[in-house]
Amino acid sequence: MPRSDPDVGSEALIAQIFLAPALIFAVIALGLVSALLGDGIWDQASWLALVVPLVVIAFYIFRRSARPS
């Protein structure tokens, strides 16, 4: 019986672990850049982008508190 290599699939696991934080970072970076670029629609875009981490945090807090103990 062939042994499975422990490194097989580790790249996929690393991608799964870091995908969500990388996407959140990209949205935050775009929000900060849009806040620096101008007024009007840029301000609205920055507010929307900077609310994303707060929404994610609230989602996981409420999801955790909704679980039965």
Protein backbone atom coordinates (compact mmCIF):
# COMPACT_ATOMS: atom_id res chain seq x y z
CA MET A 1 0.00 0.00 0.00
CA PRO A 2 1.53 3.38 -1.00
CA ARG A 3 2.09 5.97 1.70
CA SER A 4 0.42 9.29 1.17
CA ASP A 5 2.72 12.26 1.30
CA PRO A 6 1.70 14.71 4.07
CA ASP A 7 2.59 17.67 1.83
CA VAL A 8 0.11 16.62 -0.84
CA GLY A 9 -2.80 19.00 -0.64
CA SER A 10 -1.09 21.32 1.81
CA GLU A 11 -1.10 24.10 -0.80
CA ALA A 12 -4.87 23.79 -1.10
CA LEU A 13 -5.21 23.89 2.69
CA ILE A 14 -3.05 27.00 2.94
CA ALA A 15 -5.11 28.68 0.21
CA GLN A 16 -8.31 27.86 2.10
CA ILE A 17 -6.91 29.25 5.34
CA PHE A 18 -5.64 32.53 3.93
CA LEU A 19 -8.25 33.24 1.23
CA ALA A 20 -10.83 35.01 3.43
CA PRO A 21 -8.31 37.21 5.30
CA ALA A 22 -6.62 38.11 2.01
CA LEU A 23 -9.96 39.13 0.48
CA ILE A 24 -10.86 41.19 3.54
CA PHE A 25 -7.44 42.85 3.40
CA ALA A 26 -7.94 43.69 -0.29
CA VAL A 27 -11.34 45.26 0.38
CA ILE A 28 -9.94 47.30 3.28
CA ALA A 29 -6.98 48.46 1.16
CA LEU A 30 -9.34 49.53 -1.63
CA GLY A 31 -11.44 51.38 0.94
CA LEU A 32 -8.45 53.25 2.31
CA VAL A 33 -7.20 54.15 -1.18
CA SER A 34 -10.65 55.32 -2.27
CA ALA A 35 -10.86 57.51 0.85
CA LEU A 36 -7.64 59.21 -0.24
CA LEU A 37 -8.59 59.62 -3.90
CA GLY A 38 -11.44 62.05 -3.73
CA ASP A 39 -14.87 63.08 -2.59
CA GLY A 40 -18.41 62.09 -3.43
CA ILE A 41 -18.66 58.55 -4.71
CA TRP A 42 -15.15 57.78 -3.46
CA ASP A 43 -16.18 58.58 0.11
CA GLN A 44 -19.19 56.31 -0.18
CA ALA A 45 -17.06 53.51 -1.64
CA SER A 46 -14.56 53.85 1.22
CA TRP A 47 -17.29 53.72 3.88
CA LEU A 48 -18.78 50.60 2.29
CA ALA A 49 -15.39 48.93 2.04
CA LEU A 50 -14.41 49.77 5.61
CA VAL A 51 -17.69 48.39 6.97
CA VAL A 52 -16.89 44.92 5.58
CA PRO A 53 -14.65 43.81 8.49
CA LEU A 54 -17.27 44.99 11.00
CA VAL A 55 -19.96 42.98 9.23
CA VAL A 56 -17.75 39.89 9.20
CA ILE A 57 -16.97 40.26 12.91
CA ALA A 58 -20.65 40.76 13.78
CA PHE A 59 -21.62 37.75 11.68
CA TYR A 60 -19.24 35.44 13.52
CA ILE A 61 -20.14 36.85 16.95
CA PHE A 62 -23.85 36.30 16.36
CA ARG A 63 -23.25 32.92 14.77
CA ARG A 64 -21.27 31.81 17.80
CA SER A 65 -23.84 33.09 20.29
CA ALA A 66 -26.69 31.44 18.35
CA ARG A 67 -25.19 27.96 18.80
CA PRO A 68 -26.79 25.84 21.47
CA SER A 69 -24.50 25.21 24.42
